[in-house]
C-alpha atoms as a PDB file:
ATOM      1  CA  MET A   1      66.964  38.519  65.652  1.00  0.00           C
ATOM      2  CA  SER A   2      66.765  36.027  68.367  1.00  0.00           C
ATOM      3  CA  GLY A   3      64.187  33.344  68.015  1.00  0.00           C
ATOM      4  CA  GLY A   4      60.774  33.231  66.229  1.00  0.00           C
ATOM      5  CA  LEU A   5      59.428  34.083  62.753  1.00  0.00           C
ATOM      6  CA  ALA A   6      59.661  37.800  62.492  1.00  0.00           C
ATOM      7  CA  CYS A   7      56.777  39.378  60.421  1.00  0.00           C
ATOM      8  CA  SER A   8      58.267  40.628  57.108  1.00  0.00           C
ATOM      9  CA  GLY A   9      55.314  42.733  56.051  1.00  0.00           C
ATOM     10  CA  GLY A  10      56.173  46.140  55.659  1.00  0.00           C
ATOM     11  CA  THR A  11      52.761  47.402  56.059  1.00  0.00           C
ATOM     12  CA  HIS A  12      52.580  45.581  59.331  1.00  0.00           C
ATOM     13  CA  ARG A  13      55.151  47.342  61.175  1.00  0.00           C
ATOM     14  CA  PRO A  14      53.007  50.248  62.342  1.00  0.00           C
ATOM     15  CA  PHE A  15      50.824  47.574  64.245  1.00  0.00           C
ATOM     16  CA  TRP A  16      53.720  45.650  66.128  1.00  0.00           C
ATOM     17  CA  LYS A  17      53.352  45.564  69.832  1.00  0.00           C
ATOM     18  CA  ILE A  18      55.643  44.229  72.713  1.00  0.00           C
ATOM     19  CA  ARG A  19      54.398  41.282  74.827  1.00  0.00           C
ATOM     20  CA  GLN A  20      57.374  41.217  76.886  1.00  0.00           C
ATOM     21  CA  ARG A  21      59.633  44.044  77.295  1.00  0.00           C
ATOM     22  CA  ARG A  22      63.238  43.270  78.402  1.00  0.00           C
ATOM     23  CA  CYS A  23      62.125  40.141  80.217  1.00  0.00           C
ATOM     24  CA  ASN A  24      61.460  36.340  79.785  1.00  0.00           C
ATOM     25  CA  HIS A  25      58.940  33.959  81.457  1.00  0.00           C
ATOM     26  CA  SER A  26      60.238  30.289  80.759  1.00  0.00           C
ATOM     27  CA  ARG A  27      59.148  27.175  82.067  1.00  0.00           C
ATOM     28  CA  PHE A  28      63.098  26.587  82.836  1.00  0.00           C
ATOM     29  CA  ASN A  29      62.603  29.064  85.516  1.00  0.00           C
ATOM     30  CA  GLY A  30      59.286  28.131  86.915  1.00  0.00           C
ATOM     31  CA  GLY A  31      57.389  30.640  84.653  1.00  0.00           C
ATOM     32  CA  ARG A  32      58.893  33.680  86.738  1.00  0.00           C
ATOM     33  CA  ARG A  33      59.856  36.724  85.170  1.00  0.00           C
ATOM     34  CA  THR A  34      63.490  37.056  84.368  1.00  0.00           C
ATOM     35  CA  ASP A  35      65.340  40.284  83.285  1.00  0.00           C
ATOM     36  CA  SER A  36      66.558  39.908  79.791  1.00  0.00           C
ATOM     37  CA  ASP A  37      68.054  42.234  77.131  1.00  0.00           C
ATOM     38  CA  TYR A  38      65.536  40.742  74.566  1.00  0.00           C
ATOM     39  CA  SER A  39      61.948  41.756  74.338  1.00  0.00           C
ATOM     40  CA  GLU A  40      59.054  39.665  72.430  1.00  0.00           C
ATOM     41  CA  VAL A  41      57.298  41.362  69.547  1.00  0.00           C
ATOM     42  CA  ILE A  42      53.912  40.219  68.076  1.00  0.00           C
ATOM     43  CA  CYS A  43      52.404  41.249  64.998  1.00  0.00           C
ATOM     44  CA  PRO A  44      48.667  41.089  65.521  1.00  0.00           C
ATOM     45  CA  LEU A  45      47.902  41.041  61.615  1.00  0.00           C
ATOM     46  CA  CYS A  46      49.837  37.980  60.800  1.00  0.00           C
ATOM     47  CA  TRP A  47      50.249  36.460  64.537  1.00  0.00           C
ATOM     48  CA  ARG A  48      53.895  36.078  64.171  1.00  0.00           C
ATOM     49  CA  ARG A  49      55.978  36.737  67.363  1.00  0.00           C
ATOM     50  CA  TRP A  50      59.667  36.976  67.795  1.00  0.00           C
ATOM     51  CA  ARG A  51      62.369  38.021  70.250  1.00  0.00           C
ATOM     52  CA  THR A  52      64.981  40.598  69.628  1.00  0.00           C
ATOM     53  CA  LYS A  53      67.318  43.223  71.246  1.00  0.00           C
ATOM     54  CA  ALA A  54      66.973  45.922  68.514  1.00  0.00           C
ATOM     55  CA  ALA A  55      66.573  49.306  69.543  1.00  0.00           C
ATOM     56  CA  TYR A  56      63.237  49.790  67.684  1.00  0.00           C
ATOM     57  CA  VAL A  57      61.491  47.913  70.447  1.00  0.00           C
ATOM     58  CA  ASP A  58      61.693  51.336  72.514  1.00  0.00           C
ATOM     59  CA  GLN A  59      59.188  52.842  70.368  1.00  0.00           C
ATOM     60  CA  LEU A  60      56.722  50.170  69.931  1.00  0.00           C
ATOM     61  CA  PRO A  61      53.627  50.304  72.282  1.00  0.00           C
ATOM     62  CA  ASP A  62      52.853  47.387  74.839  1.00  0.00           C
ATOM     63  CA  TRP A  63      50.521  44.687  73.970  1.00  0.00           C
ATOM     64  CA  SER A  64      47.376  44.871  75.737  1.00  0.00           C
ATOM     65  CA  GLY A  65      45.917  41.515  74.419  1.00  0.00           C
ATOM     66  CA  ASN A  66      42.936  43.049  72.632  1.00  0.00           C
END
């Protein structure tokens, strides 16, 4: 794990979504998209979010914001 507080609810995992897939948007680079090895995962049940480069992100759907 590379930042943020990951969701630890085992029953939440089917609901995890990807907010930023293999990229980063940072104030340090003016808010522009920058390629990265890391993706940001969000759990819409407990609203925790974290960044990871774990392989499981390839199986997660993208977050639509709904």
